[in-house]
Amino acid sequence: MDPLTQAPPIELPHDIQTPELISQFPVAIGWWLLTIIIITFLVITISSIKKYRANRVIQRQAIEAINISSSMLSQTLSTLKWAAMGYFPRQEIASLSGESLFNYLTDKLPESERESFAKFNNTITQHLYNKGNESAVNIEFNTAANHWLKTALPPKATKQTKSASQASDKGAVS
């Protein structure tokens, strides 16, 4: 026997061959669905927050104006009128002043809140055009005005409000 032709008892080891790497793409459908759900949730949440804040811009500005200038009843009442004109139809509010404006503002509050705001009606009409406005009345009315702004604005959508806005939209279209 020839030693060269004889097969070696142990073959020389071969290199280890690894399989091809598995690709991460395309990702499984579950991950795509989860990503779409998360993005949709974020878009809806962000747009809701923006709408909420945009709907309350006038309310915030009026509260800041009342807190900054708490010196005169007439100024506070005109700020309330300005804020109300931002949310309610201008045709209803523009011609109102004094007691009629105050009654209109009182009617826009919920039933449970009206009595506490209405108690200022006589006080306001007595002190509104006096030269020496009492600072205690001013501070008390400013507190009530802030409460009115936080409670009555923006108005809650009711069936009457929705039907009135739809009717005005139809009238504007035609």
Protein backbone atom coordinates (compact mmCIF):
# COMPACT_ATOMS: atom_id res chain seq x y z
CA MET A 1 0.00 0.00 0.00
CA ASP A 2 1.13 3.25 -0.96
CA PRO A 3 0.96 5.85 1.80
CA LEU A 4 -0.04 8.58 -0.63
CA THR A 5 -3.07 6.78 -1.97
CA GLN A 6 -4.22 5.67 1.37
CA ALA A 7 -7.00 7.93 2.79
CA PRO A 8 -6.14 9.68 5.98
CA PRO A 9 -8.13 8.48 8.94
CA ILE A 10 -9.16 12.05 9.93
CA GLU A 11 -9.96 14.45 7.23
CA LEU A 12 -8.77 17.97 7.58
CA PRO A 13 -11.48 20.21 9.11
CA HIS A 14 -13.37 22.44 6.75
CA ASP A 15 -14.28 26.09 7.44
CA ILE A 16 -17.59 26.63 9.23
CA GLN A 17 -20.14 27.98 6.85
CA THR A 18 -22.79 30.28 8.36
CA PRO A 19 -26.12 30.83 6.68
CA GLU A 20 -27.01 34.24 5.21
CA LEU A 21 -28.18 36.83 7.70
CA ILE A 22 -31.92 37.18 7.98
CA SER A 23 -33.10 40.61 6.88
CA GLN A 24 -35.10 42.82 9.27
CA PHE A 25 -37.22 44.02 6.38
CA PRO A 26 -39.99 43.67 5.54
CA VAL A 27 -41.18 43.96 9.12
CA ALA A 28 -44.07 41.76 10.13
CA ILE A 29 -47.58 43.13 9.49
CA GLY A 30 -48.29 43.44 13.21
CA TRP A 31 -45.55 46.04 13.63
CA TRP A 32 -46.89 48.02 10.66
CA LEU A 33 -50.38 47.99 12.17
CA LEU A 34 -49.05 49.05 15.57
CA THR A 35 -47.10 51.91 13.97
CA ILE A 36 -50.17 53.09 12.06
CA ILE A 37 -52.32 52.96 15.20
CA ILE A 38 -49.77 54.96 17.21
CA ILE A 39 -49.36 57.60 14.50
CA THR A 40 -53.14 57.93 14.13
CA PHE A 41 -53.55 58.29 17.88
CA LEU A 42 -50.86 60.99 18.02
CA VAL A 43 -52.37 62.95 15.12
CA ILE A 44 -55.86 62.86 16.63
CA THR A 45 -54.56 63.84 20.09
CA ILE A 46 -52.47 66.73 18.80
CA SER A 47 -55.26 68.07 16.59
CA SER A 48 -57.73 67.84 19.51
CA ILE A 49 -55.38 69.77 21.77
CA LYS A 50 -54.86 72.45 19.11
CA LYS A 51 -58.61 72.76 18.57
CA TYR A 52 -59.24 72.98 22.32
CA ARG A 53 -56.65 75.73 22.75
CA ALA A 54 -57.80 77.66 19.68
CA ASN A 55 -61.38 77.55 20.94
CA ARG A 56 -60.31 79.19 24.19
CA VAL A 57 -58.02 81.96 22.94
CA ILE A 58 -60.55 84.75 23.47
CA GLN A 59 -61.46 83.38 26.90
CA ARG A 60 -57.81 83.41 28.02
CA GLN A 61 -57.24 86.91 26.66
CA ALA A 62 -60.31 88.24 28.45
CA ILE A 63 -59.26 86.65 31.76
CA GLU A 64 -55.80 88.18 31.41
CA ALA A 65 -57.29 91.60 30.58
CA ILE A 66 -59.58 91.49 33.62
CA ASN A 67 -56.76 90.38 35.91
CA ILE A 68 -54.41 93.10 34.65
CA SER A 69 -56.83 96.03 34.71
CA SER A 70 -59.02 95.59 37.74
CA SER A 71 -59.64 99.30 38.27
CA MET A 72 -62.99 100.06 36.63
CA LEU A 73 -66.34 98.31 36.36
CA SER A 74 -66.99 99.72 32.90
CA GLN A 75 -63.72 98.29 31.62
CA THR A 76 -64.52 94.86 33.07
CA LEU A 77 -68.02 94.93 31.59
CA SER A 78 -66.69 95.94 28.16
CA THR A 79 -64.16 93.09 28.35
CA LEU A 80 -67.01 90.67 29.10
CA LYS A 81 -68.96 92.05 26.14
CA TRP A 82 -65.92 91.69 23.87
CA ALA A 83 -65.40 88.08 24.97
CA ALA A 84 -69.08 87.24 24.52
CA MET A 85 -69.00 88.72 21.00
CA GLY A 86 -66.24 86.25 20.18
CA TYR A 87 -68.48 83.26 20.94
CA PHE A 88 -72.09 84.38 20.54
CA PRO A 89 -73.75 86.06 17.52
CA ARG A 90 -72.71 89.71 17.26
CA GLN A 91 -76.20 90.76 16.22
CA GLU A 92 -77.50 89.73 19.64
CA ILE A 93 -74.80 91.46 21.69
CA ALA A 94 -73.66 94.55 19.80
CA SER A 95 -76.67 96.70 20.70
CA LEU A 96 -76.76 95.67 24.37
CA SER A 97 -75.42 97.79 27.20
CA GLY A 98 -75.90 98.25 30.92
CA GLU A 99 -78.63 96.14 32.48
CA SER A 100 -79.69 94.45 29.22
CA LEU A 101 -76.10 93.30 28.61
CA PHE A 102 -75.83 92.06 32.17
CA ASN A 103 -79.09 90.11 31.82
CA TYR A 104 -77.86 88.60 28.53
CA LEU A 105 -74.61 87.50 30.19
CA THR A 106 -76.53 86.04 33.11
CA ASP A 107 -78.76 84.04 30.75
CA LYS A 108 -75.70 82.40 29.18
CA LEU A 109 -74.67 80.82 32.48
CA PRO A 110 -75.94 77.40 33.58
CA GLU A 111 -79.02 77.53 35.82
CA SER A 112 -77.05 76.69 38.96
CA GLU A 113 -74.61 79.58 38.45
CA ARG A 114 -77.06 82.36 37.53
CA GLU A 115 -78.07 83.44 41.00
CA SER A 116 -74.52 84.13 42.19
CA PHE A 117 -73.79 86.26 39.09
CA ALA A 118 -77.17 88.00 39.03
CA LYS A 119 -76.67 89.47 42.50
CA PHE A 120 -74.25 91.97 40.91
CA ASN A 121 -76.94 93.42 38.62
CA ASN A 122 -78.12 96.15 41.01
CA THR A 123 -74.61 96.83 42.27
CA ILE A 124 -73.24 97.24 38.77
CA THR A 125 -75.99 99.57 37.60
CA GLN A 126 -75.54 101.73 40.72
CA HIS A 127 -71.74 101.92 40.62
CA LEU A 128 -71.10 101.74 36.88
CA TYR A 129 -71.31 105.45 36.13
CA ASN A 130 -70.30 106.79 39.54
CA LYS A 131 -67.10 108.76 39.66
CA GLY A 132 -65.80 107.15 42.82
CA ASN A 133 -66.08 103.42 42.11
CA GLU A 134 -65.60 101.30 45.18
CA SER A 135 -62.58 99.05 44.91
CA ALA A 136 -64.29 96.28 46.92
CA VAL A 137 -67.11 96.17 44.37
CA ASN A 138 -64.57 96.15 41.54
CA ILE A 139 -62.62 93.25 43.01
CA GLU A 140 -65.78 91.29 43.75
CA PHE A 141 -67.15 91.87 40.25
CA ASN A 142 -63.81 90.97 38.65
CA THR A 143 -63.93 87.68 40.50
CA ALA A 144 -67.48 87.10 39.25
CA ALA A 145 -66.43 88.11 35.70
CA ASN A 146 -63.56 85.60 35.78
CA HIS A 147 -65.98 82.95 36.96
CA TRP A 148 -68.41 83.87 34.15
CA LEU A 149 -65.61 83.61 31.56
CA LYS A 150 -64.56 80.20 32.84
CA THR A 151 -68.12 78.87 33.15
CA ALA A 152 -69.99 80.34 30.18
CA LEU A 153 -67.24 80.35 27.56
CA PRO A 154 -66.93 78.64 25.21
CA PRO A 155 -70.62 77.85 24.99
CA LYS A 156 -71.63 74.22 25.14
CA ALA A 157 -73.05 72.91 21.88
CA THR A 158 -76.75 72.19 22.36
CA LYS A 159 -79.38 71.09 19.89
CA GLN A 160 -80.59 74.68 19.53
CA THR A 161 -77.07 75.99 18.96
CA LYS A 162 -76.29 73.28 16.40
CA SER A 163 -79.53 73.84 14.46
CA ALA A 164 -79.03 77.61 14.53
CA SER A 165 -75.46 77.30 13.23
CA GLN A 166 -76.57 74.87 10.52
CA ALA A 167 -79.33 77.25 9.47
CA SER A 168 -76.89 80.15 9.31
CA ASP A 169 -74.45 78.01 7.30
CA LYS A 170 -77.20 77.11 4.83
CA GLY A 171 -78.17 80.77 4.56
CA ALA A 172 -74.56 81.75 3.88
CA VAL A 173 -74.18 79.09 1.18
CA SER A 174 -77.27 80.06 -0.80
